[in-house]
Amino acid sequence: GLGQGFDTANATAALRLSTQGDNVSVGAVTSVNLNGQVKLWQGGQVVVTWPVAVGPGRAFGAESSAGGGQSSAVGVQLLDSAGHLIVQAGSVP
């Protein structure tokens, strides 16, 4: 499949989401210390949730083979420890 990349950012965080073949690559950086989670969405459902502790100089990066090539509807969210959305990219319902 063709690789797709989504980049989104706000004052607090930036996300990277790319697909290549069956793999999905996710990255997150923040300007503040944050404990929370990164959720990978595909086809309208969460397929992977990673706990994260990120901050200046402590980026998060992960890859998943959760059927990345089977659907173009992939998205990623960064949430804080209370479950509040910080930033999202791609296809999230």
Protein backbone atom coordinates (compact mmCIF):
# COMPACT_ATOMS: atom_id res chain seq x y z
CA GLY A 1 0.00 0.00 0.00
CA LEU A 2 0.93 3.62 -0.29
CA GLY A 3 2.41 5.26 2.79
CA GLN A 4 0.28 7.96 4.38
CA GLY A 5 1.38 10.46 7.00
CA PHE A 6 -0.71 12.70 9.22
CA ASP A 7 0.91 15.34 11.34
CA THR A 8 -0.98 17.47 13.76
CA ALA A 9 0.10 19.76 16.57
CA ASN A 10 -1.14 22.26 19.11
CA ALA A 11 0.54 24.27 21.87
CA THR A 12 0.89 21.15 24.05
CA ALA A 13 1.69 18.24 21.77
CA ALA A 14 2.43 16.98 18.27
CA LEU A 15 1.49 13.64 16.74
CA ARG A 16 2.83 11.68 13.80
CA LEU A 17 0.90 8.86 12.17
CA SER A 18 2.10 6.92 9.15
CA THR A 19 1.22 3.65 7.50
CA GLN A 20 3.42 1.48 5.34
CA GLY A 21 2.17 -1.90 4.22
CA ASP A 22 0.68 -3.62 7.26
CA ASN A 23 2.57 -1.45 9.76
CA VAL A 24 1.34 1.68 11.50
CA SER A 25 3.91 4.00 13.06
CA VAL A 26 2.92 6.46 15.79
CA GLY A 27 4.92 9.22 17.46
CA ALA A 28 4.11 11.83 20.09
CA VAL A 29 6.04 14.73 21.59
CA THR A 30 4.83 17.21 24.20
CA SER A 31 5.97 20.56 25.53
CA VAL A 32 4.91 19.62 29.09
CA ASN A 33 5.34 16.51 31.23
CA LEU A 34 2.38 14.26 30.65
CA ASN A 35 1.34 10.81 31.84
CA GLY A 36 -1.47 9.36 29.81
CA GLN A 37 -2.12 7.10 26.88
CA VAL A 38 -1.88 6.94 23.12
CA LYS A 39 -4.75 5.18 21.36
CA LEU A 40 -4.49 3.78 17.85
CA TRP A 41 -7.82 3.69 16.00
CA GLN A 42 -8.63 1.65 12.93
CA GLY A 43 -11.96 1.30 11.19
CA GLY A 44 -13.69 3.20 14.01
CA GLN A 45 -12.34 1.03 16.84
CA VAL A 46 -9.39 1.27 19.23
CA VAL A 47 -6.94 -1.47 18.26
CA VAL A 48 -4.00 -0.61 20.54
CA THR A 49 -3.61 1.51 23.68
CA TRP A 50 -0.13 2.40 24.93
CA PRO A 51 0.53 3.95 28.36
CA VAL A 52 2.90 6.90 27.94
CA ALA A 53 5.03 9.20 30.06
CA VAL A 54 6.19 11.97 27.75
CA GLY A 55 7.65 15.43 28.11
CA PRO A 56 10.37 17.71 26.80
CA GLY A 57 13.14 15.41 25.58
CA ARG A 58 11.02 12.28 26.20
CA ALA A 59 9.18 11.45 22.99
CA PHE A 60 6.96 8.42 22.43
CA GLY A 61 7.23 6.17 19.42
CA ALA A 62 5.68 2.80 18.60
CA GLU A 63 4.72 0.57 15.73
CA SER A 64 1.81 -1.79 15.36
CA SER A 65 0.95 -4.40 12.78
CA ALA A 66 -2.73 -4.32 13.76
CA GLY A 67 -3.88 -4.66 10.17
CA GLY A 68 -2.43 -1.33 9.09
CA GLY A 69 -2.65 -2.14 5.40
CA GLN A 70 -6.23 -3.36 5.52
CA SER A 71 -7.86 0.00 6.17
CA SER A 72 -7.02 3.57 5.34
CA ALA A 73 -9.16 4.72 8.29
CA VAL A 74 -6.42 4.90 10.90
CA GLY A 75 -6.12 7.54 13.59
CA VAL A 76 -4.27 8.29 16.79
CA GLN A 77 -5.14 10.16 19.97
CA LEU A 78 -3.07 11.41 22.90
CA LEU A 79 -5.03 11.55 26.16
CA ASP A 80 -4.00 12.70 29.63
CA SER A 81 -4.28 10.55 32.76
CA ALA A 82 -7.91 11.66 33.26
CA GLY A 83 -8.81 10.62 29.71
CA HIS A 84 -9.07 14.16 28.33
CA LEU A 85 -8.08 14.55 24.69
CA ILE A 86 -4.85 16.49 24.15
CA VAL A 87 -4.47 16.09 20.38
CA GLN A 88 -5.54 13.66 17.64
CA ALA A 89 -4.64 12.93 14.04
CA GLY A 90 -6.04 10.85 11.21
CA SER A 91 -9.42 9.14 11.27
CA VAL A 92 -10.94 9.08 14.77
CA PRO A 93 -14.72 8.82 15.21
